[in-house]
Protein backbone atom coordinates (compact mmCIF):
# COMPACT_ATOMS: atom_id res chain seq x y z
CA UNK A 1 102.74 172.93 139.22
CA UNK A 2 104.16 175.83 141.23
CA UNK A 3 101.61 178.59 141.65
CA UNK A 4 103.47 180.99 139.40
CA UNK A 5 103.59 178.46 136.57
CA UNK A 6 99.98 177.40 137.08
CA UNK A 7 98.97 181.01 136.49
CA UNK A 8 100.99 181.26 133.28
CA UNK A 9 98.64 182.39 130.52
CA UNK A 10 98.14 179.79 127.83
CA UNK A 11 98.82 182.37 125.17
CA UNK A 12 102.38 182.92 126.41
CA UNK A 13 103.18 179.37 125.35
CA UNK A 14 101.67 179.44 121.88
CA UNK A 15 101.81 183.09 120.83
CA UNK A 16 105.46 182.99 119.69
CA UNK A 17 104.54 180.13 117.36
CA UNK A 18 101.47 181.92 116.05
CA UNK A 19 103.62 184.94 115.26
CA UNK A 20 105.95 183.01 113.00
CA UNK A 21 105.85 183.64 109.28
CA UNK A 22 102.84 182.04 107.56
CA UNK A 23 105.30 180.55 105.10
CA UNK A 24 106.76 178.35 107.88
CA UNK A 25 103.87 175.91 108.08
CA UNK A 26 104.18 172.37 109.49
CA UNK A 27 103.53 169.53 107.12
CA UNK A 28 99.90 168.59 106.58
CA UNK A 29 98.26 165.77 108.51
CA UNK A 30 98.24 163.67 105.36
CA UNK A 31 101.98 164.20 104.89
CA UNK A 32 102.75 163.29 108.46
CA UNK A 33 100.66 160.16 108.73
CA UNK A 34 101.08 158.28 105.49
CA UNK A 35 103.90 155.81 105.04
CA UNK A 36 104.90 157.35 101.71
CA UNK A 37 105.22 160.86 103.13
CA UNK A 38 107.09 159.56 106.15
CA UNK A 39 109.55 157.86 103.82
CA UNK A 40 110.10 161.12 101.93
CA UNK A 41 110.53 163.06 105.17
CA UNK A 42 112.83 160.72 107.07
CA UNK A 43 114.31 158.19 104.67
CA UNK A 44 115.24 160.73 102.05
CA UNK A 45 114.46 158.18 99.38
CA UNK A 46 117.33 155.96 100.52
CA UNK A 47 117.51 152.47 101.95
CA UNK A 48 119.77 150.52 104.21
CA UNK A 49 119.73 150.20 107.98
CA UNK A 50 117.99 153.54 108.62
CA UNK A 51 115.15 152.68 106.26
CA UNK A 52 114.82 149.25 107.89
CA UNK A 53 114.69 150.86 111.31
CA UNK A 54 111.92 153.26 110.27
CA UNK A 55 110.02 150.36 108.74
CA UNK A 56 110.30 148.52 112.07
CA UNK A 57 108.98 151.61 113.87
CA UNK A 58 105.88 151.48 111.71
CA UNK A 59 105.30 147.73 111.68
CA UNK A 60 106.52 146.75 115.19
CA UNK A 61 106.31 150.06 117.02
CA UNK A 62 106.34 149.09 120.70
CA UNK A 63 109.11 146.52 120.38
CA UNK A 64 111.25 148.90 118.30
CA UNK A 65 110.70 151.87 120.60
CA UNK A 66 111.59 149.76 123.65
CA UNK A 67 114.80 148.55 122.02
CA UNK A 68 115.68 152.10 120.98
CA UNK A 69 115.02 153.37 124.48
CA UNK A 70 117.16 150.65 126.05
CA UNK A 71 120.13 151.52 123.83
CA UNK A 72 119.81 155.29 124.15
CA UNK A 73 119.05 155.43 127.89
CA UNK A 74 121.94 153.06 128.58
CA UNK A 75 124.24 155.14 126.39
CA UNK A 76 123.07 158.34 128.05
CA UNK A 77 123.82 157.03 131.53
CA UNK A 78 127.23 155.71 130.45
CA UNK A 79 128.07 159.18 129.13
CA UNK A 80 126.72 160.84 132.29
CA UNK A 81 128.75 158.58 134.58
CA UNK A 82 131.88 159.15 132.51
CA UNK A 83 131.42 162.93 132.76
CA UNK A 84 130.65 162.80 136.48
CA UNK A 85 133.68 160.59 137.27
CA UNK A 86 132.63 160.78 140.92
CA UNK A 87 133.26 157.21 141.96
CA UNK A 88 132.96 153.58 140.89
CA UNK A 89 130.68 152.71 138.02
CA UNK A 90 127.05 152.57 139.23
CA UNK A 91 125.80 149.45 137.47
CA UNK A 92 122.59 149.33 139.50
CA UNK A 93 121.72 152.89 138.48
CA UNK A 94 122.30 151.98 134.85
CA UNK A 95 120.05 148.92 135.11
CA UNK A 96 117.34 150.89 136.90
CA UNK A 97 117.37 153.69 134.31
CA UNK A 98 117.16 151.27 131.39
CA UNK A 99 114.33 149.35 133.07
CA UNK A 100 112.37 152.52 133.80
CA UNK A 101 112.79 153.84 130.27
CA UNK A 102 111.80 150.56 128.64
CA UNK A 103 108.96 149.51 130.95
CA UNK A 104 107.58 152.90 131.99
CA UNK A 105 108.67 155.81 129.78
CA UNK A 106 108.05 154.20 126.38
CA UNK A 107 104.51 152.87 127.11
CA UNK A 108 103.47 156.06 128.92
CA UNK A 109 104.81 158.39 126.22
CA UNK A 110 103.16 156.25 123.55
CA UNK A 111 99.83 156.62 125.35
CA UNK A 112 100.26 160.37 125.89
CA UNK A 113 101.25 160.99 122.27
CA UNK A 114 98.19 159.03 121.13
CA UNK A 115 96.01 161.11 123.48
CA UNK A 116 97.63 164.25 122.10
CA UNK A 117 96.70 163.27 118.54
CA UNK A 118 93.17 162.36 119.68
CA UNK A 119 92.82 165.77 121.36
CA UNK A 120 93.61 167.81 118.24
CA UNK A 121 91.38 165.53 116.15
CA UNK A 122 88.52 166.03 118.62
CA UNK A 123 89.08 169.79 118.43
CA UNK A 124 89.04 169.47 114.61
CA UNK A 125 92.20 171.51 114.33
CA UNK A 126 93.72 171.86 110.88
CA UNK A 127 97.47 171.32 110.49
CA UNK A 128 99.42 174.47 111.28
CA UNK A 129 101.06 176.31 114.12
CA UNK A 130 97.87 176.51 116.20
CA UNK A 131 97.58 172.72 116.19
CA UNK A 132 101.30 172.38 116.97
CA UNK A 133 100.95 174.93 119.79
CA UNK A 134 98.07 173.01 121.39
CA UNK A 135 100.02 169.76 121.14
CA UNK A 136 103.09 171.39 122.68
CA UNK A 137 101.00 172.91 125.48
CA UNK A 138 99.39 169.54 126.27
CA UNK A 139 102.79 167.86 126.20
CA UNK A 140 104.53 170.32 128.50
CA UNK A 141 101.69 171.27 130.88
CA UNK A 142 99.93 167.91 131.22
CA UNK A 143 102.22 165.16 129.96
CA UNK A 144 105.53 166.35 131.42
CA UNK A 145 104.44 166.88 135.07
CA UNK A 146 102.71 163.49 135.18
CA UNK A 147 105.51 161.58 133.46
CA UNK A 148 108.18 163.19 135.68
CA UNK A 149 106.26 162.30 138.85
CA UNK A 150 105.85 158.76 137.58
CA UNK A 151 109.53 158.59 136.74
CA UNK A 152 110.52 159.33 140.33
CA UNK A 153 108.16 156.63 141.59
CA UNK A 154 109.17 154.03 139.01
CA UNK A 155 112.89 154.71 139.47
CA UNK A 156 112.57 154.21 143.22
CA UNK A 157 110.71 150.96 142.63
CA UNK A 158 113.16 149.73 140.00
CA UNK A 159 116.13 150.54 142.24
CA UNK A 160 114.52 148.65 145.13
CA UNK A 161 113.82 145.61 142.94
CA UNK A 162 117.39 145.56 141.58
CA UNK A 163 118.83 145.94 145.08
CA UNK A 164 116.65 143.08 146.32
CA UNK A 165 117.78 140.85 143.45
CA UNK A 166 121.49 141.66 143.82
CA UNK A 167 121.93 142.28 147.54
CA UNK A 168 118.97 140.30 148.84
CA UNK A 169 116.76 141.10 151.79
CA UNK A 170 113.56 141.65 149.85
CA UNK A 171 111.70 144.80 148.92
CA UNK A 172 111.15 147.58 151.46
CA UNK A 173 107.64 147.96 152.89
CA UNK A 174 105.22 149.90 150.72
CA UNK A 175 104.97 152.71 153.28
CA UNK A 176 108.77 153.13 153.29
CA UNK A 177 108.90 153.18 149.49
CA UNK A 178 105.99 155.63 149.39
CA UNK A 179 107.67 157.93 151.91
CA UNK A 180 110.85 157.91 149.83
CA UNK A 181 108.93 158.78 146.67
CA UNK A 182 107.03 161.58 148.43
CA UNK A 183 110.26 163.05 149.79
CA UNK A 184 111.85 163.05 146.34
CA UNK A 185 108.77 164.64 144.78
CA UNK A 186 108.77 167.41 147.37
CA UNK A 187 112.48 168.02 146.90
CA UNK A 188 112.91 167.64 143.14
CA UNK A 189 109.63 167.53 141.19
CA UNK A 190 109.13 171.27 140.68
CA UNK A 191 112.77 171.96 139.82
CA UNK A 192 112.82 169.03 137.41
CA UNK A 193 109.76 170.32 135.57
CA UNK A 194 111.40 173.74 135.15
CA UNK A 195 114.60 172.07 133.91
CA UNK A 196 112.46 169.98 131.55
CA UNK A 197 110.92 173.11 130.04
CA UNK A 198 114.38 174.60 129.47
CA UNK A 199 115.48 171.55 127.48
CA UNK A 200 112.35 170.13 125.86
CA UNK A 201 110.18 172.97 124.55
CA UNK A 202 112.12 173.56 121.33
CA UNK A 203 112.74 169.85 120.52
CA UNK A 204 109.09 169.04 121.15
CA UNK A 205 108.03 171.93 118.93
CA UNK A 206 110.06 170.29 116.17
CA UNK A 207 108.68 166.88 117.14
CA UNK A 208 105.02 167.86 116.82
CA UNK A 209 105.53 170.10 113.80
CA UNK A 210 107.67 167.88 111.61
CA UNK A 211 108.01 164.32 112.92
CA UNK A 212 105.41 161.67 111.95
CA UNK A 213 103.46 160.35 114.96
CA UNK A 214 104.97 156.87 114.71
CA UNK A 215 108.51 158.27 115.17
CA UNK A 216 107.88 160.79 117.96
CA UNK A 217 108.83 158.55 120.89
CA UNK A 218 112.06 157.58 119.13
CA UNK A 219 112.81 161.26 118.44
CA UNK A 220 112.24 162.05 122.12
CA UNK A 221 114.58 159.21 123.09
CA UNK A 222 117.36 160.78 121.03
CA UNK A 223 116.81 164.18 122.67
CA UNK A 224 116.85 162.46 126.06
CA UNK A 225 120.55 161.70 125.56
CA UNK A 226 121.23 165.26 126.75
CA UNK A 227 118.45 165.20 129.34
């Protein structure tokens, strides 16, 4: 983290949430983690395709999250390329982004969200804004910098693999790939983290306060359409 952000007091991140009205309390842990409460929260008592999708998230979580990520990341890049309109369609970029989201982002976010839940359980924090604030702080100050750095590395690797498969010539040497990743981290990592905070703090506050744990990666994938 940049020095200025590393020195940011922890209370600056959570104090606005602690100051909210005591009547605006997140749902209890029991409400957020039981299938019945999740159905009330997200299904609205209805059925159909949405209910089936949420059931798949609970019963086949990794497979469902990967499929969701593939669809949404592909859609997001199609929208981005249409808005950019800066040249021919970049099919290799699309393939690389989908691969990175499915094979890297989903498993890593799943692990970090599980660690986040384990952290607040270990701290024996009751449901409420303090618990949500700690989860948000962990997500944005620990999870985000690591995941963003890994994204740069995995995207470079995925792009190299796709280029080798389509164009041929094999993968670049590890030292060349490593130098490319280091250069991108030096150039873009800090700015990307700041941009991440501008977009993700409020959605992740909602995610940790109101969304059941099993649906958090899917919720993040939806938000990522604009990211």
